Amino acid sequence: MMLILVALLAAAPARVNYLEGKAEKEAKGERTELEKGSDLAEGEAVVTSEGARLEIKFPDESLLRVGPAARLELTAAHFGRVATERKMTAKLLFGKVWAKVTSLFSKDAQFAIETENAVAGVRGTTFRVDARQDKSVLVRVYAGAVAVARNIPIYAKPDAKPGEREEVAGPQEVSREQWEHVVGRQMEITIAADGTPSPPAKFDAAAEKDDDWVQWNKKRDAAR
């Protein structure tokens, strides 16, 4: 599975705002142990250990929390002063993330989380994404709305001239149709390992009262 997420163009980079347990930053094949205050940039990956929790803070005050035993790759990080210059995209290979988006992203800007078979794009909201071991993905929305679509890899056009930025969709299986669903507040969607989405449906918030990951995130959101 794959989703999209992250952004940084202003001088201030993304930064580790909170860390519980052990986490590492991987860049160009080398790993460095993270600590509170560590900077994160485009092209770097965050890897958390069992029992670890990490909070990433972006220049616009948006937050992204990474759960235990997870790997998140920051693929784009641009936060310009103009709204259209903002782009945050990241790939969640496995594990859980919780996003608290504080800025309103326009149609020309982007805040998204990518998994292997789905992309969750945001316009200002609170949501979670779980990339499970069986390759399925859960997207659950707590505030606002998220557009969840099938992930279609983009590749540079093979015959593009030097300097050209034209891109085309990568190879696709004819049997897998394109789809997109808007998931609203207190709604969830599950994407199977083969990319098949379930219909968006309401979830029972009361059933999460014993979910430590959810309750921890809600407490941190409320404390902001």
N, C-alpha and C. Protein backbone atom coordinates (compact mmCIF):
# COMPACT_ATOMS: atom_id res chain seq x y z
N MET A 1 0.83 -1.19 0.00
CA MET A 1 0.00 0.00 0.00
C MET A 1 0.87 1.25 0.00
N MET A 2 0.34 2.33 -0.48
CA MET A 2 1.08 3.57 -0.43
C MET A 2 0.18 4.78 -0.39
N LEU A 3 0.48 5.78 0.40
CA LEU A 3 -0.28 7.02 0.49
C LEU A 3 0.64 8.22 0.21
N ILE A 4 0.17 9.47 0.43
CA ILE A 4 1.06 10.61 0.21
C ILE A 4 1.02 11.63 1.35
N LEU A 5 2.15 12.28 1.65
CA LEU A 5 2.11 13.26 2.74
C LEU A 5 3.40 14.05 2.94
N VAL A 6 3.48 15.32 3.23
CA VAL A 6 4.60 16.13 3.70
C VAL A 6 4.85 17.42 2.90
N ALA A 7 5.48 18.47 3.51
CA ALA A 7 5.73 19.72 2.83
C ALA A 7 6.67 20.66 3.54
N LEU A 8 7.56 21.38 2.80
CA LEU A 8 8.54 22.27 3.38
C LEU A 8 9.27 23.09 2.32
N LEU A 9 9.10 24.41 2.33
CA LEU A 9 9.79 25.26 1.38
C LEU A 9 10.37 26.45 2.14
N ALA A 10 9.72 26.82 3.21
CA ALA A 10 10.21 27.90 4.04
C ALA A 10 11.51 27.45 4.70
N ALA A 11 12.22 28.40 5.35
CA ALA A 11 13.51 28.08 5.94
C ALA A 11 13.40 27.01 7.02
N ALA A 12 12.33 27.07 7.80
CA ALA A 12 12.17 26.12 8.89
C ALA A 12 11.81 24.75 8.35
N PRO A 13 12.53 23.70 8.75
CA PRO A 13 12.22 22.35 8.28
C PRO A 13 11.18 21.69 9.18
N ALA A 14 10.78 20.50 8.80
CA ALA A 14 9.95 19.72 9.70
C ALA A 14 10.82 19.34 10.88
N ARG A 15 10.22 19.15 12.03
CA ARG A 15 11.01 18.91 13.24
C ARG A 15 10.31 17.91 14.14
N VAL A 16 11.10 17.10 14.83
CA VAL A 16 10.56 16.16 15.80
C VAL A 16 10.12 16.97 17.02
N ASN A 17 8.83 16.98 17.27
CA ASN A 17 8.27 17.80 18.35
C ASN A 17 8.07 17.00 19.63
N TYR A 18 8.01 15.68 19.47
CA TYR A 18 7.81 14.79 20.62
C TYR A 18 8.33 13.41 20.25
N LEU A 19 8.98 12.75 21.19
CA LEU A 19 9.47 11.40 20.94
C LEU A 19 9.40 10.58 22.20
N GLU A 20 8.79 9.43 22.06
CA GLU A 20 8.68 8.48 23.16
C GLU A 20 9.21 7.14 22.64
N GLY A 21 10.27 6.63 23.22
CA GLY A 21 10.87 5.41 22.71
C GLY A 21 11.97 5.73 21.70
N LYS A 22 12.32 4.77 20.87
CA LYS A 22 13.42 4.93 19.92
C LYS A 22 12.92 5.05 18.49
N ALA A 23 13.51 6.01 17.77
CA ALA A 23 13.18 6.21 16.36
C ALA A 23 14.44 6.66 15.63
N GLU A 24 14.51 6.34 14.35
CA GLU A 24 15.67 6.70 13.55
C GLU A 24 15.26 7.42 12.27
N LYS A 25 16.19 8.20 11.76
CA LYS A 25 16.02 8.87 10.47
C LYS A 25 16.93 8.17 9.47
N GLU A 26 16.37 7.82 8.32
CA GLU A 26 17.18 7.16 7.29
C GLU A 26 17.30 8.08 6.09
N ALA A 27 18.54 8.34 5.68
CA ALA A 27 18.81 9.20 4.53
C ALA A 27 19.99 8.62 3.75
N LYS A 28 19.79 8.37 2.47
CA LYS A 28 20.83 7.82 1.60
C LYS A 28 21.42 6.53 2.16
N GLY A 29 20.56 5.70 2.73
CA GLY A 29 21.00 4.40 3.22
C GLY A 29 21.62 4.42 4.60
N GLU A 30 21.78 5.59 5.20
CA GLU A 30 22.38 5.68 6.53
C GLU A 30 21.32 6.07 7.56
N ARG A 31 21.41 5.47 8.74
CA ARG A 31 20.45 5.75 9.80
C ARG A 31 21.08 6.56 10.93
N THR A 32 20.29 7.52 11.43
CA THR A 32 20.71 8.36 12.55
C THR A 32 19.61 8.35 13.59
N GLU A 33 19.99 8.21 14.85
CA GLU A 33 18.97 8.18 15.90
C GLU A 33 18.34 9.56 16.06
N LEU A 34 17.03 9.58 16.19
CA LEU A 34 16.31 10.83 16.34
C LEU A 34 16.12 11.19 17.82
N GLU A 35 15.94 12.47 18.07
CA GLU A 35 15.61 12.96 19.41
C GLU A 35 14.73 14.18 19.24
N LYS A 36 14.12 14.64 20.32
CA LYS A 36 13.27 15.81 20.24
C LYS A 36 14.09 16.98 19.72
N GLY A 37 13.56 17.68 18.71
CA GLY A 37 14.27 18.80 18.11
C GLY A 37 15.01 18.46 16.84
N SER A 38 15.11 17.17 16.51
CA SER A 38 15.79 16.76 15.28
C SER A 38 15.04 17.27 14.05
N ASP A 39 15.79 17.71 13.04
CA ASP A 39 15.19 18.19 11.81
C ASP A 39 14.92 17.02 10.85
N LEU A 40 13.89 17.18 10.03
CA LEU A 40 13.56 16.19 9.01
C LEU A 40 13.35 16.93 7.70
N ALA A 41 13.76 16.31 6.59
CA ALA A 41 13.66 16.98 5.30
C ALA A 41 13.17 16.01 4.22
N GLU A 42 12.91 16.57 3.06
CA GLU A 42 12.50 15.78 1.91
C GLU A 42 13.47 14.64 1.64
N GLY A 43 12.93 13.51 1.26
CA GLY A 43 13.77 12.38 0.89
C GLY A 43 14.22 11.53 2.06
N GLU A 44 13.87 11.95 3.28
CA GLU A 44 14.26 11.19 4.46
C GLU A 44 13.10 10.34 4.97
N ALA A 45 13.44 9.25 5.62
CA ALA A 45 12.43 8.34 6.16
C ALA A 45 12.52 8.29 7.68
N VAL A 46 11.37 8.12 8.31
CA VAL A 46 11.31 7.96 9.77
C VAL A 46 10.96 6.50 10.05
N VAL A 47 11.75 5.87 10.90
CA VAL A 47 11.53 4.47 11.26
C VAL A 47 11.41 4.39 12.78
N THR A 48 10.27 3.93 13.28
CA THR A 48 10.05 3.83 14.72
C THR A 48 10.16 2.39 15.20
N SER A 49 10.59 2.22 16.42
CA SER A 49 10.72 0.89 17.01
C SER A 49 9.42 0.48 17.69
N GLU A 50 9.35 -0.75 18.14
CA GLU A 50 8.18 -1.22 18.88
C GLU A 50 7.99 -0.35 20.13
N GLY A 51 6.77 0.10 20.36
CA GLY A 51 6.47 0.90 21.54
C GLY A 51 6.80 2.38 21.41
N ALA A 52 7.35 2.79 20.26
CA ALA A 52 7.74 4.20 20.09
C ALA A 52 6.59 5.04 19.53
N ARG A 53 6.63 6.34 19.83
CA ARG A 53 5.68 7.31 19.29
C ARG A 53 6.45 8.57 18.96
N LEU A 54 6.14 9.15 17.82
CA LEU A 54 6.88 10.33 17.39
C LEU A 54 5.93 11.34 16.77
N GLU A 55 6.16 12.61 17.08
CA GLU A 55 5.33 13.68 16.52
C GLU A 55 6.20 14.61 15.69
N ILE A 56 5.78 14.83 14.45
CA ILE A 56 6.48 15.73 13.54
C ILE A 56 5.68 17.02 13.41
N LYS A 57 6.35 18.14 13.56
CA LYS A 57 5.69 19.44 13.45
C LYS A 57 6.20 20.16 12.21
N PHE A 58 5.27 20.71 11.42
CA PHE A 58 5.62 21.41 10.20
C PHE A 58 5.53 22.92 10.39
N PRO A 59 6.11 23.71 9.47
CA PRO A 59 6.14 25.16 9.63
C PRO A 59 4.78 25.83 9.80
N ASP A 60 3.71 25.22 9.28
CA ASP A 60 2.38 25.83 9.42
C ASP A 60 1.66 25.33 10.67
N GLU A 61 2.39 24.64 11.56
CA GLU A 61 1.85 24.10 12.81
C GLU A 61 1.06 22.80 12.62
N SER A 62 0.97 22.29 11.40
CA SER A 62 0.35 20.98 11.21
C SER A 62 1.22 19.91 11.86
N LEU A 63 0.57 18.83 12.30
CA LEU A 63 1.28 17.76 12.99
C LEU A 63 1.04 16.43 12.30
N LEU A 64 2.06 15.59 12.36
CA LEU A 64 1.93 14.23 11.87
C LEU A 64 2.56 13.32 12.92
N ARG A 65 1.76 12.39 13.44
CA ARG A 65 2.27 11.49 14.47
C ARG A 65 2.45 10.09 13.88
N VAL A 66 3.58 9.50 14.19
CA VAL A 66 3.93 8.18 13.68
C VAL A 66 3.88 7.19 14.82
N GLY A 67 3.16 6.09 14.63
CA GLY A 67 3.01 5.09 15.68
C GLY A 67 4.18 4.13 15.74
N PRO A 68 4.10 3.13 16.61
CA PRO A 68 5.19 2.16 16.78
C PRO A 68 5.36 1.25 15.57
N ALA A 69 6.59 0.77 15.39
CA ALA A 69 6.93 -0.18 14.32
C ALA A 69 6.41 0.31 12.97
N ALA A 70 6.76 1.54 12.62
CA ALA A 70 6.27 2.14 11.38
C ALA A 70 7.43 2.69 10.55
N ARG A 71 7.15 2.87 9.27
CA ARG A 71 8.12 3.52 8.37
C ARG A 71 7.37 4.52 7.50
N LEU A 72 7.79 5.78 7.59
CA LEU A 72 7.17 6.86 6.83
C LEU A 72 8.25 7.60 6.06
N GLU A 73 8.06 7.72 4.75
CA GLU A 73 9.03 8.42 3.91
C GLU A 73 8.48 9.78 3.51
N LEU A 74 9.23 10.84 3.79
CA LEU A 74 8.83 12.20 3.41
C LEU A 74 9.21 12.42 1.95
N THR A 75 8.25 12.44 1.08
CA THR A 75 8.55 12.54 -0.35
C THR A 75 8.51 13.96 -0.89
N ALA A 76 7.78 14.85 -0.23
CA ALA A 76 7.76 16.26 -0.63
C ALA A 76 7.51 17.09 0.61
N ALA A 77 8.19 18.22 0.72
CA ALA A 77 8.03 19.06 1.90
C ALA A 77 8.29 20.51 1.53
N HIS A 78 7.23 21.21 1.19
CA HIS A 78 7.36 22.61 0.75
C HIS A 78 6.30 23.46 1.45
N PHE A 79 6.74 24.45 2.22
CA PHE A 79 5.80 25.35 2.89
C PHE A 79 6.18 26.79 2.57
N GLY A 80 5.69 27.28 1.44
CA GLY A 80 5.94 28.68 1.09
C GLY A 80 4.95 29.58 1.79
N ARG A 81 5.17 30.87 1.72
CA ARG A 81 4.27 31.83 2.36
C ARG A 81 2.93 31.90 1.64
N VAL A 82 2.95 31.61 0.34
CA VAL A 82 1.72 31.59 -0.44
C VAL A 82 1.11 30.20 -0.36
N ALA A 83 -0.22 30.14 -0.19
CA ALA A 83 -0.90 28.85 0.00
C ALA A 83 -0.63 27.87 -1.13
N THR A 84 -0.53 28.38 -2.38
CA THR A 84 -0.33 27.49 -3.51
C THR A 84 1.07 26.87 -3.54
N GLU A 85 1.98 27.38 -2.70
CA GLU A 85 3.34 26.84 -2.65
C GLU A 85 3.46 25.71 -1.64
N ARG A 86 2.36 25.38 -0.97
CA ARG A 86 2.41 24.35 0.06
C ARG A 86 2.18 22.96 -0.52
N LYS A 87 3.06 22.06 -0.17
CA LYS A 87 2.87 20.67 -0.58
C LYS A 87 3.48 19.76 0.46
N MET A 88 2.68 18.86 0.96
CA MET A 88 3.12 17.88 1.93
C MET A 88 2.70 16.51 1.45
N THR A 89 3.67 15.68 1.11
CA THR A 89 3.34 14.32 0.71
C THR A 89 4.30 13.34 1.36
N ALA A 90 3.78 12.18 1.77
CA ALA A 90 4.62 11.16 2.40
C ALA A 90 4.07 9.77 2.09
N LYS A 91 4.94 8.78 2.13
CA LYS A 91 4.54 7.40 1.90
C LYS A 91 4.60 6.63 3.21
N LEU A 92 3.51 6.01 3.56
CA LEU A 92 3.47 5.14 4.73
C LEU A 92 3.60 3.71 4.23
N LEU A 93 4.75 3.10 4.50
CA LEU A 93 4.97 1.73 4.03
C LEU A 93 4.32 0.72 4.95
N PHE A 94 4.40 0.98 6.26
CA PHE A 94 3.71 0.15 7.23
C PHE A 94 3.61 0.91 8.54
N GLY A 95 2.63 0.50 9.37
CA GLY A 95 2.41 1.18 10.64
C GLY A 95 1.25 2.16 10.58
N LYS A 96 1.18 3.07 11.56
CA LYS A 96 0.07 4.00 11.68
C LYS A 96 0.56 5.45 11.72
N VAL A 97 -0.24 6.35 11.14
CA VAL A 97 0.02 7.78 11.27
C VAL A 97 -1.28 8.48 11.63
N TRP A 98 -1.13 9.59 12.32
CA TRP A 98 -2.27 10.45 12.70
C TRP A 98 -1.93 11.85 12.25
N ALA A 99 -2.80 12.46 11.46
CA ALA A 99 -2.53 13.80 10.93
C ALA A 99 -3.47 14.83 11.53
N LYS A 100 -2.90 15.95 11.94
CA LYS A 100 -3.67 17.10 12.43
C LYS A 100 -3.29 18.27 11.54
N VAL A 101 -4.13 18.55 10.55
CA VAL A 101 -3.83 19.58 9.56
C VAL A 101 -4.45 20.89 10.00
N THR A 102 -3.63 21.91 10.21
CA THR A 102 -4.13 23.18 10.73
C THR A 102 -4.39 24.21 9.64
N SER A 103 -3.74 24.07 8.48
CA SER A 103 -3.93 25.03 7.40
C SER A 103 -4.97 24.53 6.41
N LEU A 104 -5.66 25.47 5.77
CA LEU A 104 -6.59 25.11 4.72
C LEU A 104 -5.82 25.02 3.42
N PHE A 105 -5.78 23.84 2.83
CA PHE A 105 -5.04 23.64 1.59
C PHE A 105 -5.96 23.84 0.39
N SER A 106 -5.54 24.67 -0.54
CA SER A 106 -6.35 24.95 -1.73
C SER A 106 -6.17 23.84 -2.75
N LYS A 107 -6.91 23.94 -3.86
CA LYS A 107 -6.81 22.91 -4.89
C LYS A 107 -5.43 22.88 -5.53
N ASP A 108 -4.69 23.98 -5.42
CA ASP A 108 -3.35 24.04 -6.00
C ASP A 108 -2.28 23.63 -5.02
N ALA A 109 -2.67 23.38 -3.77
CA ALA A 109 -1.73 22.92 -2.76
C ALA A 109 -2.07 21.47 -2.45
N GLN A 110 -1.27 20.85 -1.60
CA GLN A 110 -1.52 19.44 -1.35
C GLN A 110 -1.02 19.01 0.01
N PHE A 111 -1.81 18.20 0.68
CA PHE A 111 -1.41 17.52 1.90
C PHE A 111 -1.97 16.11 1.76
N ALA A 112 -1.11 15.14 1.62
CA ALA A 112 -1.61 13.80 1.34
C ALA A 112 -0.71 12.73 1.91
N ILE A 113 -1.32 11.57 2.18
CA ILE A 113 -0.58 10.40 2.63
C ILE A 113 -0.80 9.29 1.62
N GLU A 114 0.29 8.68 1.20
CA GLU A 114 0.23 7.64 0.19
C GLU A 114 0.58 6.29 0.78
N THR A 115 -0.16 5.26 0.37
CA THR A 115 0.21 3.89 0.68
C THR A 115 0.37 3.18 -0.66
N GLU A 116 0.65 1.90 -0.64
CA GLU A 116 0.91 1.17 -1.87
C GLU A 116 -0.26 1.21 -2.85
N ASN A 117 -1.50 1.23 -2.34
CA ASN A 117 -2.63 1.17 -3.26
C ASN A 117 -3.67 2.28 -3.08
N ALA A 118 -3.36 3.29 -2.27
CA ALA A 118 -4.33 4.37 -2.08
C ALA A 118 -3.65 5.67 -1.70
N VAL A 119 -4.34 6.79 -2.00
CA VAL A 119 -3.85 8.12 -1.65
C VAL A 119 -4.94 8.86 -0.92
N ALA A 120 -4.63 9.43 0.24
CA ALA A 120 -5.59 10.22 1.01
C ALA A 120 -5.17 11.68 0.94
N GLY A 121 -5.97 12.50 0.26
CA GLY A 121 -5.67 13.92 0.10
C GLY A 121 -6.57 14.75 1.00
N VAL A 122 -6.01 15.83 1.55
CA VAL A 122 -6.71 16.59 2.58
C VAL A 122 -6.88 18.06 2.23
N ARG A 123 -7.87 18.69 2.86
CA ARG A 123 -8.08 20.14 2.74
C ARG A 123 -8.19 20.77 4.13
N GLY A 124 -7.61 20.16 5.13
CA GLY A 124 -7.70 20.68 6.49
C GLY A 124 -8.57 19.77 7.33
N THR A 125 -7.98 18.92 8.16
CA THR A 125 -8.75 17.89 8.85
C THR A 125 -7.91 17.14 9.87
N THR A 126 -8.55 16.19 10.56
CA THR A 126 -7.87 15.26 11.46
C THR A 126 -8.24 13.85 11.01
N PHE A 127 -7.24 13.05 10.74
CA PHE A 127 -7.51 11.70 10.27
C PHE A 127 -6.36 10.76 10.61
N ARG A 128 -6.61 9.47 10.45
CA ARG A 128 -5.56 8.48 10.69
C ARG A 128 -5.49 7.55 9.49
N VAL A 129 -4.30 6.98 9.28
CA VAL A 129 -4.10 5.99 8.23
C VAL A 129 -3.34 4.83 8.83
N ASP A 130 -3.85 3.62 8.66
CA ASP A 130 -3.17 2.41 9.12
C ASP A 130 -2.80 1.57 7.91
N ALA A 131 -1.52 1.34 7.71
CA ALA A 131 -1.05 0.42 6.67
C ALA A 131 -0.77 -0.91 7.35
N ARG A 132 -1.63 -1.87 7.13
CA ARG A 132 -1.58 -3.12 7.87
C ARG A 132 -0.63 -4.13 7.26
N GLN A 133 -0.30 -5.16 8.06
CA GLN A 133 0.63 -6.19 7.60
C GLN A 133 0.09 -6.98 6.43
N ASP A 134 -1.24 -7.10 6.33
CA ASP A 134 -1.82 -7.85 5.22
C ASP A 134 -1.95 -7.01 3.95
N LYS A 135 -1.35 -5.80 3.97
CA LYS A 135 -1.32 -4.87 2.84
C LYS A 135 -2.63 -4.11 2.64
N SER A 136 -3.59 -4.30 3.52
CA SER A 136 -4.81 -3.49 3.45
C SER A 136 -4.56 -2.16 4.16
N VAL A 137 -5.44 -1.19 3.92
CA VAL A 137 -5.28 0.15 4.50
C VAL A 137 -6.60 0.62 5.09
N LEU A 138 -6.52 1.21 6.27
CA LEU A 138 -7.68 1.82 6.91
C LEU A 138 -7.48 3.33 6.96
N VAL A 139 -8.47 4.09 6.49
CA VAL A 139 -8.46 5.55 6.62
C VAL A 139 -9.69 5.92 7.44
N ARG A 140 -9.48 6.61 8.54
CA ARG A 140 -10.57 6.98 9.44
C ARG A 140 -10.49 8.49 9.69
N VAL A 141 -11.61 9.19 9.50
CA VAL A 141 -11.63 10.65 9.58
C VAL A 141 -12.36 11.11 10.84
N TYR A 142 -11.72 12.02 11.59
CA TYR A 142 -12.29 12.53 12.84
C TYR A 142 -12.81 13.95 12.71
N ALA A 143 -12.31 14.69 11.75
CA ALA A 143 -12.79 16.06 11.49
C ALA A 143 -12.49 16.41 10.05
N GLY A 144 -13.36 17.19 9.43
CA GLY A 144 -13.15 17.56 8.04
C GLY A 144 -13.48 16.44 7.09
N ALA A 145 -12.76 16.36 5.99
CA ALA A 145 -13.00 15.32 4.99
C ALA A 145 -11.70 14.96 4.29
N VAL A 146 -11.63 13.74 3.79
CA VAL A 146 -10.45 13.25 3.07
C VAL A 146 -10.91 12.60 1.78
N ALA A 147 -10.24 12.94 0.67
CA ALA A 147 -10.52 12.29 -0.60
C ALA A 147 -9.56 11.12 -0.74
N VAL A 148 -10.08 9.91 -0.77
CA VAL A 148 -9.25 8.72 -0.87
C VAL A 148 -9.39 8.15 -2.28
N ALA A 149 -8.27 7.95 -2.95
CA ALA A 149 -8.29 7.47 -4.33
C ALA A 149 -7.28 6.35 -4.52
N ARG A 150 -7.48 5.60 -5.57
CA ARG A 150 -6.53 4.55 -5.92
C ARG A 150 -5.19 5.19 -6.23
N ASN A 151 -4.12 4.60 -5.77
CA ASN A 151 -2.79 5.13 -6.02
C ASN A 151 -2.30 4.67 -7.38
N ILE A 152 -2.05 5.64 -8.27
CA ILE A 152 -1.53 5.34 -9.60
C ILE A 152 -0.14 5.95 -9.70
N PRO A 153 0.91 5.13 -9.75
CA PRO A 153 2.28 5.65 -9.83
C PRO A 153 2.46 6.56 -11.04
N ILE A 154 3.23 7.63 -10.85
CA ILE A 154 3.52 8.57 -11.94
C ILE A 154 4.98 8.44 -12.34
N TYR A 155 5.23 8.36 -13.62
CA TYR A 155 6.59 8.21 -14.12
C TYR A 155 6.88 9.32 -15.12
N ALA A 156 8.16 9.68 -15.27
CA ALA A 156 8.53 10.68 -16.27
C ALA A 156 8.28 10.10 -17.65
N LYS A 157 7.85 10.93 -18.59
CA LYS A 157 7.59 10.48 -19.95
C LYS A 157 8.89 9.97 -20.57
N PRO A 158 8.92 8.74 -21.09
CA PRO A 158 10.15 8.14 -21.61
C PRO A 158 10.86 8.98 -22.65
N ASP A 159 10.11 9.64 -23.56
CA ASP A 159 10.74 10.39 -24.65
C ASP A 159 10.81 11.89 -24.36
N ALA A 160 10.68 12.27 -23.08
CA ALA A 160 10.72 13.69 -22.72
C ALA A 160 12.10 14.27 -22.98
N LYS A 161 12.14 15.51 -23.47
CA LYS A 161 13.41 16.17 -23.73
C LYS A 161 14.00 16.68 -22.42
N PRO A 162 15.32 16.89 -22.36
CA PRO A 162 15.94 17.40 -21.13
C PRO A 162 15.26 18.69 -20.68
N GLY A 163 14.91 18.76 -19.41
CA GLY A 163 14.27 19.94 -18.87
C GLY A 163 12.76 19.89 -18.89
N GLU A 164 12.19 18.98 -19.69
CA GLU A 164 10.75 18.85 -19.73
C GLU A 164 10.24 18.17 -18.46
N ARG A 165 9.10 18.60 -17.96
CA ARG A 165 8.56 18.07 -16.73
C ARG A 165 7.25 17.31 -16.95
N GLU A 166 6.97 16.98 -18.21
CA GLU A 166 5.73 16.26 -18.50
C GLU A 166 5.80 14.87 -17.88
N GLU A 167 4.71 14.46 -17.25
CA GLU A 167 4.66 13.15 -16.61
C GLU A 167 3.46 12.38 -17.11
N VAL A 168 3.57 11.06 -17.06
CA VAL A 168 2.46 10.21 -17.49
C VAL A 168 2.23 9.15 -16.44
N ALA A 169 1.02 8.60 -16.43
CA ALA A 169 0.72 7.53 -15.48
C ALA A 169 1.53 6.30 -15.83
N GLY A 170 1.96 5.57 -14.80
CA GLY A 170 2.73 4.36 -15.01
C GLY A 170 1.86 3.21 -15.48
N PRO A 171 2.47 2.04 -15.71
CA PRO A 171 1.71 0.87 -16.17
C PRO A 171 0.57 0.55 -15.21
N GLN A 172 -0.58 0.18 -15.76
CA GLN A 172 -1.74 -0.12 -14.94
C GLN A 172 -2.35 -1.45 -15.34
N GLU A 173 -2.92 -2.14 -14.38
CA GLU A 173 -3.63 -3.36 -14.67
C GLU A 173 -5.04 -3.01 -15.12
N VAL A 174 -5.44 -3.53 -16.27
CA VAL A 174 -6.75 -3.20 -16.82
C VAL A 174 -7.87 -3.64 -15.87
N SER A 175 -7.60 -4.71 -15.10
CA SER A 175 -8.64 -5.23 -14.22
C SER A 175 -8.90 -4.35 -13.00
N ARG A 176 -8.02 -3.40 -12.74
CA ARG A 176 -8.18 -2.53 -11.58
C ARG A 176 -8.68 -1.17 -12.02
N GLU A 177 -9.93 -0.89 -11.74
CA GLU A 177 -10.54 0.36 -12.15
C GLU A 177 -10.11 1.51 -11.25
N GLN A 178 -10.12 2.72 -11.82
CA GLN A 178 -9.84 3.90 -11.02
C GLN A 178 -11.07 4.21 -10.16
N TRP A 179 -10.81 4.79 -8.97
CA TRP A 179 -11.91 5.13 -8.09
C TRP A 179 -11.48 6.23 -7.14
N GLU A 180 -12.46 6.92 -6.59
CA GLU A 180 -12.20 7.93 -5.57
C GLU A 180 -13.44 8.04 -4.69
N HIS A 181 -13.21 8.16 -3.38
CA HIS A 181 -14.29 8.34 -2.43
C HIS A 181 -13.95 9.50 -1.50
N VAL A 182 -14.94 10.31 -1.17
CA VAL A 182 -14.76 11.36 -0.18
C VAL A 182 -15.26 10.80 1.15
N VAL A 183 -14.37 10.79 2.14
CA VAL A 183 -14.69 10.24 3.45
C VAL A 183 -14.83 11.40 4.43
N GLY A 184 -16.02 11.56 4.99
CA GLY A 184 -16.30 12.68 5.88
C GLY A 184 -16.07 12.35 7.35
N ARG A 185 -16.44 13.29 8.20
CA ARG A 185 -16.24 13.18 9.64
C ARG A 185 -16.95 11.94 10.20
N GLN A 186 -16.25 11.24 11.10
CA GLN A 186 -16.75 10.01 11.73
C GLN A 186 -17.05 8.91 10.72
N MET A 187 -16.31 8.95 9.60
CA MET A 187 -16.46 7.93 8.57
C MET A 187 -15.11 7.23 8.37
N GLU A 188 -15.17 6.02 7.80
CA GLU A 188 -13.97 5.28 7.51
C GLU A 188 -14.10 4.55 6.17
N ILE A 189 -12.95 4.18 5.62
CA ILE A 189 -12.92 3.37 4.41
C ILE A 189 -11.75 2.40 4.53
N THR A 190 -11.94 1.19 4.05
CA THR A 190 -10.88 0.20 4.06
C THR A 190 -10.55 -0.17 2.61
N ILE A 191 -9.26 -0.19 2.29
CA ILE A 191 -8.83 -0.58 0.96
C ILE A 191 -8.14 -1.93 1.08
N ALA A 192 -8.64 -2.93 0.37
CA ALA A 192 -8.06 -4.27 0.43
C ALA A 192 -6.68 -4.29 -0.22
N ALA A 193 -5.96 -5.38 -0.01
CA ALA A 193 -4.60 -5.50 -0.54
C ALA A 193 -4.57 -5.40 -2.07
N ASP A 194 -5.66 -5.79 -2.73
CA ASP A 194 -5.69 -5.71 -4.19
C ASP A 194 -6.18 -4.36 -4.69
N GLY A 195 -6.37 -3.41 -3.77
CA GLY A 195 -6.79 -2.06 -4.15
C GLY A 195 -8.28 -1.84 -4.20
N THR A 196 -9.07 -2.83 -3.81
CA THR A 196 -10.52 -2.69 -3.83
C THR A 196 -11.00 -1.95 -2.58
N PRO A 197 -11.75 -0.85 -2.75
CA PRO A 197 -12.21 -0.08 -1.59
C PRO A 197 -13.56 -0.58 -1.08
N SER A 198 -13.76 -0.45 0.22
CA SER A 198 -15.09 -0.69 0.78
C SER A 198 -15.87 0.60 0.67
N PRO A 199 -17.20 0.56 0.72
CA PRO A 199 -17.98 1.81 0.72
C PRO A 199 -17.66 2.59 2.01
N PRO A 200 -17.51 3.91 1.96
CA PRO A 200 -17.32 4.68 3.18
C PRO A 200 -18.47 4.43 4.15
N ALA A 201 -18.17 4.27 5.42
CA ALA A 201 -19.20 3.97 6.41
C ALA A 201 -18.84 4.62 7.73
N LYS A 202 -19.86 4.86 8.56
CA LYS A 202 -19.61 5.43 9.88
C LYS A 202 -18.94 4.40 10.78
N PHE A 203 -18.09 4.89 11.67
CA PHE A 203 -17.47 3.99 12.63
C PHE A 203 -17.95 4.36 14.04
N ASP A 204 -17.87 3.40 14.94
CA ASP A 204 -18.33 3.59 16.31
C ASP A 204 -17.20 4.18 17.15
N ALA A 205 -17.29 5.47 17.46
CA ALA A 205 -16.24 6.13 18.24
C ALA A 205 -16.10 5.50 19.61
N ALA A 206 -17.19 5.00 20.19
CA ALA A 206 -17.15 4.40 21.51
C ALA A 206 -16.27 3.15 21.53
N ALA A 207 -16.18 2.50 20.38
CA ALA A 207 -15.38 1.28 20.29
C ALA A 207 -13.89 1.57 20.40
N GLU A 208 -13.51 2.86 20.29
CA GLU A 208 -12.10 3.23 20.36
C GLU A 208 -11.66 3.66 21.76
N LYS A 209 -12.56 3.58 22.73
CA LYS A 209 -12.24 4.09 24.06
C LYS A 209 -11.07 3.35 24.71
N ASP A 210 -10.83 2.11 24.28
CA ASP A 210 -9.72 1.34 24.84
C ASP A 210 -8.53 1.27 23.88
N ASP A 211 -8.60 2.03 22.80
CA ASP A 211 -7.51 2.06 21.82
C ASP A 211 -6.49 3.10 22.28
N ASP A 212 -5.37 2.65 22.78
CA ASP A 212 -4.36 3.54 23.35
C ASP A 212 -3.83 4.54 22.33
N TRP A 213 -3.64 4.12 21.09
CA TRP A 213 -3.13 5.00 20.04
C TRP A 213 -4.10 6.14 19.78
N VAL A 214 -5.37 5.83 19.67
CA VAL A 214 -6.38 6.86 19.41
C VAL A 214 -6.51 7.82 20.58
N GLN A 215 -6.60 7.29 21.79
CA GLN A 215 -6.78 8.14 22.97
C GLN A 215 -5.58 9.04 23.20
N TRP A 216 -4.39 8.54 22.96
CA TRP A 216 -3.18 9.35 23.11
C TRP A 216 -3.19 10.52 22.13
N ASN A 217 -3.57 10.24 20.88
CA ASN A 217 -3.62 11.30 19.88
C ASN A 217 -4.68 12.34 20.21
N LYS A 218 -5.83 11.89 20.66
CA LYS A 218 -6.89 12.83 21.02
C LYS A 218 -6.48 13.74 22.17
N LYS A 219 -5.77 13.20 23.14
CA LYS A 219 -5.30 14.00 24.27
C LYS A 219 -4.30 15.06 23.80
N ARG A 220 -3.41 14.69 22.91
CA ARG A 220 -2.43 15.65 22.40
C ARG A 220 -3.11 16.72 21.55
N ASP A 221 -4.13 16.32 20.78
CA ASP A 221 -4.86 17.31 19.98
C ASP A 221 -5.58 18.30 20.89
N ALA A 222 -6.18 17.79 21.94
CA ALA A 222 -6.94 18.64 22.86
C ALA A 222 -6.04 19.60 23.63
N ALA A 223 -4.80 19.21 23.83
CA ALA A 223 -3.87 20.03 24.61
C ALA A 223 -3.26 21.17 23.79
N ARG A 224 -3.44 21.15 22.49
CA ARG A 224 -2.84 22.19 21.63
C ARG A 224 -3.53 23.53 21.80
